[in-house]
Amino acid sequence: MGVGYGSVSVSTQSRVRIADPRRVELTAALWSGVFNLSIAVGTLGRGLIVDNASTSWAMSVAAILALLGCLTAMIARPRQSSEYMAAPLQ
């Protein structure tokens, strides 16, 4: 799990920069803010769940949210265009 999650930061930064290569600084700042906000909101939510329910309930909620996130990513995934595809090595 840890090895897989380690690539999330790098891959999302890469995708954000590909989305708008003319505004690298702006997109990097936006990505950083959203990433840190998601950590803060997740920590707060999990703390509230553990305080009011139990740790097993918190894990169940986390699993449900992870599945919803995966489904959302698969449904909302943008189609790749030839403009963003890497050029073949020569």
N, C-alpha and C. Protein backbone atom coordinates (compact mmCIF):
# COMPACT_ATOMS: atom_id res chain seq x y z
N MET A 1 0.83 -1.19 0.00
CA MET A 1 0.00 0.00 0.00
C MET A 1 0.87 1.25 0.00
N GLY A 2 1.90 1.28 0.85
CA GLY A 2 2.75 2.46 0.94
C GLY A 2 3.50 2.74 -0.36
N VAL A 3 3.98 1.70 -1.01
CA VAL A 3 4.71 1.87 -2.26
C VAL A 3 3.78 2.42 -3.34
N GLY A 4 2.58 1.90 -3.41
CA GLY A 4 1.61 2.38 -4.39
C GLY A 4 1.21 3.82 -4.15
N TYR A 5 1.03 4.17 -2.87
CA TYR A 5 0.61 5.53 -2.56
C TYR A 5 1.73 6.54 -2.78
N GLY A 6 2.95 6.09 -2.69
CA GLY A 6 4.08 7.00 -2.92
C GLY A 6 4.09 7.60 -4.31
N SER A 7 3.53 6.90 -5.27
CA SER A 7 3.50 7.41 -6.64
C SER A 7 2.35 8.37 -6.88
N VAL A 8 1.40 8.46 -5.96
CA VAL A 8 0.25 9.35 -6.15
C VAL A 8 0.69 10.80 -6.28
N SER A 9 1.58 11.23 -5.40
CA SER A 9 2.04 12.61 -5.42
C SER A 9 2.70 12.96 -6.75
N VAL A 10 3.61 12.11 -7.19
CA VAL A 10 4.34 12.36 -8.43
C VAL A 10 3.41 12.30 -9.64
N SER A 11 2.55 11.31 -9.69
CA SER A 11 1.68 11.16 -10.86
C SER A 11 0.65 12.28 -10.95
N THR A 12 0.10 12.73 -9.82
CA THR A 12 -0.87 13.82 -9.89
C THR A 12 -0.19 15.14 -10.26
N GLN A 13 1.01 15.37 -9.76
CA GLN A 13 1.74 16.57 -10.18
C GLN A 13 1.99 16.54 -11.68
N SER A 14 2.38 15.41 -12.18
CA SER A 14 2.64 15.26 -13.61
C SER A 14 1.39 15.54 -14.44
N ARG A 15 0.26 14.98 -14.02
CA ARG A 15 -0.99 15.18 -14.77
C ARG A 15 -1.45 16.63 -14.72
N VAL A 16 -1.25 17.29 -13.58
CA VAL A 16 -1.64 18.69 -13.47
C VAL A 16 -0.78 19.55 -14.39
N ARG A 17 0.49 19.25 -14.46
CA ARG A 17 1.38 20.04 -15.34
C ARG A 17 1.10 19.78 -16.81
N ILE A 18 0.71 18.58 -17.13
CA ILE A 18 0.35 18.27 -18.52
C ILE A 18 -0.94 18.98 -18.90
N ALA A 19 -1.86 19.11 -17.94
CA ALA A 19 -3.15 19.74 -18.22
C ALA A 19 -3.00 21.19 -18.65
N ASP A 20 -2.05 21.91 -18.07
CA ASP A 20 -1.84 23.31 -18.46
C ASP A 20 -0.36 23.65 -18.37
N PRO A 21 0.42 23.32 -19.40
CA PRO A 21 1.87 23.52 -19.35
C PRO A 21 2.29 25.00 -19.32
N ARG A 22 1.39 25.90 -19.68
CA ARG A 22 1.74 27.32 -19.67
C ARG A 22 1.71 27.92 -18.27
N ARG A 23 1.07 27.26 -17.34
CA ARG A 23 0.93 27.80 -15.98
C ARG A 23 1.43 26.79 -14.94
N VAL A 24 2.68 26.40 -15.06
CA VAL A 24 3.24 25.37 -14.19
C VAL A 24 3.22 25.82 -12.73
N GLU A 25 3.62 27.06 -12.45
CA GLU A 25 3.67 27.54 -11.06
C GLU A 25 2.28 27.59 -10.45
N LEU A 26 1.32 28.09 -11.20
CA LEU A 26 -0.04 28.19 -10.70
C LEU A 26 -0.64 26.82 -10.42
N THR A 27 -0.46 25.89 -11.35
CA THR A 27 -1.02 24.56 -11.15
C THR A 27 -0.32 23.82 -10.03
N ALA A 28 0.99 24.04 -9.85
CA ALA A 28 1.71 23.41 -8.73
C ALA A 28 1.18 23.93 -7.40
N ALA A 29 0.94 25.22 -7.31
CA ALA A 29 0.39 25.79 -6.07
C ALA A 29 -1.02 25.27 -5.81
N LEU A 30 -1.82 25.20 -6.84
CA LEU A 30 -3.18 24.68 -6.70
C LEU A 30 -3.15 23.22 -6.26
N TRP A 31 -2.30 22.41 -6.89
CA TRP A 31 -2.19 21.01 -6.53
C TRP A 31 -1.77 20.85 -5.07
N SER A 32 -0.78 21.62 -4.66
CA SER A 32 -0.28 21.53 -3.28
C SER A 32 -1.38 21.89 -2.28
N GLY A 33 -2.11 22.94 -2.56
CA GLY A 33 -3.20 23.34 -1.67
C GLY A 33 -4.29 22.30 -1.57
N VAL A 34 -4.70 21.74 -2.69
CA VAL A 34 -5.75 20.72 -2.69
C VAL A 34 -5.26 19.45 -1.99
N PHE A 35 -4.03 19.06 -2.22
CA PHE A 35 -3.48 17.86 -1.60
C PHE A 35 -3.44 18.01 -0.08
N ASN A 36 -2.95 19.15 0.41
CA ASN A 36 -2.89 19.39 1.85
C ASN A 36 -4.28 19.53 2.46
N LEU A 37 -5.20 20.16 1.75
CA LEU A 37 -6.57 20.28 2.24
C LEU A 37 -7.23 18.90 2.36
N SER A 38 -6.97 18.03 1.40
CA SER A 38 -7.56 16.70 1.47
C SER A 38 -7.03 15.91 2.67
N ILE A 39 -5.76 16.09 3.00
CA ILE A 39 -5.21 15.43 4.18
C ILE A 39 -5.87 15.98 5.44
N ALA A 40 -6.02 17.29 5.52
CA ALA A 40 -6.63 17.91 6.70
C ALA A 40 -8.08 17.49 6.87
N VAL A 41 -8.85 17.51 5.79
CA VAL A 41 -10.26 17.13 5.87
C VAL A 41 -10.41 15.65 6.23
N GLY A 42 -9.56 14.81 5.65
CA GLY A 42 -9.61 13.39 5.97
C GLY A 42 -9.27 13.12 7.43
N THR A 43 -8.28 13.83 7.95
CA THR A 43 -7.91 13.66 9.35
C THR A 43 -9.03 14.13 10.27
N LEU A 44 -9.61 15.25 9.96
CA LEU A 44 -10.71 15.77 10.77
C LEU A 44 -11.91 14.81 10.74
N GLY A 45 -12.27 14.35 9.56
CA GLY A 45 -13.41 13.45 9.43
C GLY A 45 -13.18 12.14 10.17
N ARG A 46 -12.00 11.60 10.02
CA ARG A 46 -11.71 10.34 10.70
C ARG A 46 -11.71 10.53 12.22
N GLY A 47 -11.17 11.64 12.69
CA GLY A 47 -11.20 11.91 14.12
C GLY A 47 -12.62 12.03 14.66
N LEU A 48 -13.48 12.70 13.91
CA LEU A 48 -14.87 12.82 14.33
C LEU A 48 -15.58 11.45 14.36
N ILE A 49 -15.29 10.63 13.36
CA ILE A 49 -15.92 9.31 13.32
C ILE A 49 -15.43 8.45 14.48
N VAL A 50 -14.12 8.46 14.74
CA VAL A 50 -13.58 7.64 15.83
C VAL A 50 -14.12 8.12 17.17
N ASP A 51 -14.20 9.44 17.36
CA ASP A 51 -14.71 9.98 18.63
C ASP A 51 -16.18 9.62 18.86
N ASN A 52 -16.97 9.59 17.79
CA ASN A 52 -18.40 9.36 17.93
C ASN A 52 -18.84 7.92 17.66
N ALA A 53 -17.99 7.11 17.08
CA ALA A 53 -18.39 5.73 16.77
C ALA A 53 -17.28 4.79 17.25
N SER A 54 -16.54 4.23 16.32
CA SER A 54 -15.44 3.33 16.69
C SER A 54 -14.42 3.30 15.56
N THR A 55 -13.27 2.68 15.83
CA THR A 55 -12.25 2.59 14.80
C THR A 55 -12.68 1.68 13.65
N SER A 56 -13.44 0.64 13.94
CA SER A 56 -13.89 -0.24 12.84
C SER A 56 -14.88 0.50 11.93
N TRP A 57 -15.69 1.36 12.50
CA TRP A 57 -16.62 2.16 11.70
C TRP A 57 -15.84 3.15 10.83
N ALA A 58 -14.77 3.72 11.39
CA ALA A 58 -13.93 4.65 10.62
C ALA A 58 -13.29 3.94 9.43
N MET A 59 -12.83 2.71 9.63
CA MET A 59 -12.25 1.94 8.52
C MET A 59 -13.30 1.61 7.46
N SER A 60 -14.51 1.33 7.89
CA SER A 60 -15.60 1.05 6.93
C SER A 60 -15.91 2.29 6.10
N VAL A 61 -15.99 3.44 6.74
CA VAL A 61 -16.25 4.69 6.02
C VAL A 61 -15.10 4.98 5.05
N ALA A 62 -13.86 4.76 5.49
CA ALA A 62 -12.71 4.99 4.62
C ALA A 62 -12.75 4.08 3.39
N ALA A 63 -13.13 2.83 3.58
CA ALA A 63 -13.22 1.90 2.45
C ALA A 63 -14.30 2.33 1.47
N ILE A 64 -15.43 2.76 1.98
CA ILE A 64 -16.52 3.23 1.12
C ILE A 64 -16.09 4.46 0.33
N LEU A 65 -15.44 5.40 1.01
CA LEU A 65 -14.97 6.61 0.33
C LEU A 65 -13.90 6.29 -0.72
N ALA A 66 -13.04 5.34 -0.44
CA ALA A 66 -12.02 4.93 -1.41
C ALA A 66 -12.67 4.33 -2.66
N LEU A 67 -13.66 3.49 -2.45
CA LEU A 67 -14.38 2.91 -3.60
C LEU A 67 -15.10 3.97 -4.41
N LEU A 68 -15.73 4.91 -3.72
CA LEU A 68 -16.41 6.01 -4.44
C LEU A 68 -15.40 6.85 -5.21
N GLY A 69 -14.24 7.08 -4.62
CA GLY A 69 -13.19 7.82 -5.32
C GLY A 69 -12.71 7.11 -6.56
N CYS A 70 -12.53 5.80 -6.47
CA CYS A 70 -12.11 5.01 -7.64
C CYS A 70 -13.16 5.04 -8.74
N LEU A 71 -14.41 4.88 -8.35
CA LEU A 71 -15.49 4.94 -9.34
C LEU A 71 -15.57 6.30 -10.01
N THR A 72 -15.43 7.35 -9.21
CA THR A 72 -15.46 8.71 -9.77
C THR A 72 -14.31 8.92 -10.74
N ALA A 73 -13.11 8.44 -10.37
CA ALA A 73 -11.95 8.60 -11.24
C ALA A 73 -12.14 7.84 -12.55
N MET A 74 -12.73 6.65 -12.49
CA MET A 74 -12.95 5.88 -13.72
C MET A 74 -14.01 6.51 -14.60
N ILE A 75 -15.05 7.07 -14.00
CA ILE A 75 -16.13 7.67 -14.78
C ILE A 75 -15.71 9.01 -15.37
N ALA A 76 -15.02 9.81 -14.57
CA ALA A 76 -14.68 11.18 -14.98
C ALA A 76 -13.34 11.27 -15.69
N ARG A 77 -12.71 10.15 -15.95
CA ARG A 77 -11.39 10.16 -16.58
C ARG A 77 -11.47 10.80 -17.98
N PRO A 78 -10.65 11.83 -18.21
CA PRO A 78 -10.68 12.47 -19.53
C PRO A 78 -10.10 11.55 -20.59
N ARG A 79 -10.60 11.71 -21.77
CA ARG A 79 -10.08 10.92 -22.88
C ARG A 79 -8.72 11.48 -23.28
N GLN A 80 -7.82 10.57 -23.62
CA GLN A 80 -6.49 11.01 -24.01
C GLN A 80 -6.52 11.48 -25.46
N SER A 81 -5.87 12.59 -25.69
CA SER A 81 -5.75 13.07 -27.05
C SER A 81 -4.29 12.93 -27.47
N SER A 82 -4.05 12.95 -28.74
CA SER A 82 -2.69 12.79 -29.24
C SER A 82 -1.81 13.95 -28.81
N GLU A 83 -2.40 15.10 -28.47
CA GLU A 83 -1.64 16.27 -28.05
C GLU A 83 -0.86 15.99 -26.76
N TYR A 84 -1.44 15.20 -25.85
CA TYR A 84 -0.80 14.96 -24.56
C TYR A 84 -0.02 13.67 -24.50
N MET A 85 -0.06 12.89 -25.54
CA MET A 85 0.66 11.61 -25.53
C MET A 85 2.12 11.87 -25.82
N ALA A 86 2.96 11.13 -25.18
CA ALA A 86 4.40 11.30 -25.35
C ALA A 86 4.83 10.89 -26.76
N ALA A 87 5.82 11.59 -27.26
CA ALA A 87 6.35 11.24 -28.58
C ALA A 87 7.15 9.95 -28.46
N PRO A 88 7.12 9.11 -29.48
CA PRO A 88 7.88 7.86 -29.42
C PRO A 88 9.38 8.13 -29.41
N LEU A 89 10.12 7.27 -28.73
CA LEU A 89 11.57 7.40 -28.68
C LEU A 89 12.15 7.01 -30.01
N GLN A 90 13.21 7.71 -30.40
CA GLN A 90 13.83 7.41 -31.70
C GLN A 90 15.25 6.96 -31.51
